[in-house]
C-alpha atoms as a PDB file:
ATOM      1  CA  UNK A   1       0.000   0.000   0.000  1.00  0.00           C
ATOM      2  CA  UNK A   2       1.429   3.369  -0.965  1.00  0.00           C
ATOM      3  CA  UNK A   3       2.254   5.882   1.747  1.00  0.00           C
ATOM      4  CA  UNK A   4      -0.457   8.301   0.558  1.00  0.00           C
ATOM      5  CA  UNK A   5      -3.123   5.603   0.576  1.00  0.00           C
ATOM      6  CA  UNK A   6      -1.936   4.464   3.975  1.00  0.00           C
ATOM      7  CA  UNK A   7      -2.287   8.004   5.346  1.00  0.00           C
ATOM      8  CA  UNK A   8      -5.801   8.258   3.901  1.00  0.00           C
ATOM      9  CA  UNK A   9      -6.783   4.966   5.532  1.00  0.00           C
ATOM     10  CA  UNK A  10      -5.371   6.094   8.872  1.00  0.00           C
ATOM     11  CA  UNK A  11      -7.268   9.379   8.605  1.00  0.00           C
ATOM     12  CA  UNK A  12     -10.553   7.627   7.817  1.00  0.00           C
ATOM     13  CA  UNK A  13     -10.071   5.161  10.661  1.00  0.00           C
ATOM     14  CA  UNK A  14      -9.339   7.926  13.158  1.00  0.00           C
ATOM     15  CA  UNK A  15     -12.478   9.792  12.105  1.00  0.00           C
ATOM     16  CA  UNK A  16     -14.695   6.712  12.325  1.00  0.00           C
ATOM     17  CA  UNK A  17     -13.175   5.724  15.655  1.00  0.00           C
ATOM     18  CA  UNK A  18     -13.814   9.179  17.126  1.00  0.00           C
ATOM     19  CA  UNK A  19     -17.402   9.247  15.869  1.00  0.00           C
ATOM     20  CA  UNK A  20     -18.072   5.788  17.327  1.00  0.00           C
ATOM     21  CA  UNK A  21     -16.544   6.821  20.663  1.00  0.00           C
ATOM     22  CA  UNK A  22     -18.849   9.842  20.825  1.00  0.00           C
ATOM     23  CA  UNK A  23     -21.884   7.714  19.990  1.00  0.00           C
ATOM     24  CA  UNK A  24     -20.905   5.153  22.616  1.00  0.00           C
ATOM     25  CA  UNK A  25     -20.368   7.851  25.229  1.00  0.00           C
ATOM     26  CA  UNK A  26     -23.793   9.342  24.539  1.00  0.00           C
ATOM     27  CA  UNK A  27     -25.379   5.932  24.807  1.00  0.00           C
ATOM     28  CA  UNK A  28     -23.637   5.013  28.050  1.00  0.00           C
ATOM     29  CA  UNK A  29     -23.957   8.366  29.843  1.00  0.00           C
ATOM     30  CA  UNK A  30     -27.328   9.617  28.622  1.00  0.00           C
ATOM     31  CA  UNK A  31     -28.960   6.457  27.250  1.00  0.00           C
ATOM     32  CA  UNK A  32     -29.451   8.349  23.991  1.00  0.00           C
ATOM     33  CA  UNK A  33     -29.295   6.628  20.647  1.00  0.00           C
ATOM     34  CA  UNK A  34     -27.346   8.461  17.946  1.00  0.00           C
ATOM     35  CA  UNK A  35     -29.314  10.347  15.333  1.00  0.00           C
ATOM     36  CA  UNK A  36     -29.879   8.688  11.989  1.00  0.00           C
ATOM     37  CA  UNK A  37     -27.746  11.334  10.247  1.00  0.00           C
ATOM     38  CA  UNK A  38     -24.807  10.555  12.506  1.00  0.00           C
ATOM     39  CA  UNK A  39     -25.071   6.867  11.701  1.00  0.00           C
ATOM     40  CA  UNK A  40     -25.328   7.577   7.980  1.00  0.00           C
ATOM     41  CA  UNK A  41     -22.206   9.746   8.193  1.00  0.00           C
ATOM     42  CA  UNK A  42     -20.179   7.014   9.866  1.00  0.00           C
ATOM     43  CA  UNK A  43     -21.466   4.438   7.404  1.00  0.00           C
ATOM     44  CA  UNK A  44     -20.469   6.718   4.511  1.00  0.00           C
ATOM     45  CA  UNK A  45     -16.970   7.045   5.968  1.00  0.00           C
ATOM     46  CA  UNK A  46     -16.704   3.279   6.334  1.00  0.00           C
ATOM     47  CA  UNK A  47     -17.840   2.791   2.729  1.00  0.00           C
ATOM     48  CA  UNK A  48     -15.285   5.359   1.556  1.00  0.00           C
ATOM     49  CA  UNK A  49     -12.606   3.516   3.490  1.00  0.00           C
ATOM     50  CA  UNK A  50     -13.614   0.216   1.932  1.00  0.00           C
ATOM     51  CA  UNK A  51     -13.516   1.747  -1.547  1.00  0.00           C
ATOM     52  CA  UNK A  52     -10.098   3.202  -0.828  1.00  0.00           C
ATOM     53  CA  UNK A  53      -8.795  -0.166   0.321  1.00  0.00           C
ATOM     54  CA  UNK A  54     -10.315  -2.007  -2.630  1.00  0.00           C
ATOM     55  CA  UNK A  55      -9.100   0.609  -5.079  1.00  0.00           C
ATOM     56  CA  UNK A  56     -12.428   0.792  -6.874  1.00  0.00           C
ATOM     57  CA  UNK A  57     -15.942   2.080  -6.334  1.00  0.00           C
ATOM     58  CA  UNK A  58     -18.504  -0.341  -5.067  1.00  0.00           C
ATOM     59  CA  UNK A  59     -21.487  -1.308  -7.177  1.00  0.00           C
ATOM     60  CA  UNK A  60     -23.818  -0.505  -4.284  1.00  0.00           C
ATOM     61  CA  UNK A  61     -22.578   3.072  -4.023  1.00  0.00           C
ATOM     62  CA  UNK A  62     -23.104   3.549  -7.758  1.00  0.00           C
ATOM     63  CA  UNK A  63     -26.632   2.144  -7.529  1.00  0.00           C
ATOM     64  CA  UNK A  64     -27.554   4.507  -4.686  1.00  0.00           C
ATOM     65  CA  UNK A  65     -26.259   7.590  -6.520  1.00  0.00           C
END
């Protein structure tokens, strides 16, 4: 994996990890479920990460667009 791609993967993982931590904290402290938009955002980041790792766009993402 090239250094640039590696840095992009690390960046995506850090973002997703932080978002999931915040969602978990809200759930544990306030018993609040995350908003649907927050979940969609994290899912979009995970899909982008998967596409980056695969080196191609997924068929599902194309179908949704």
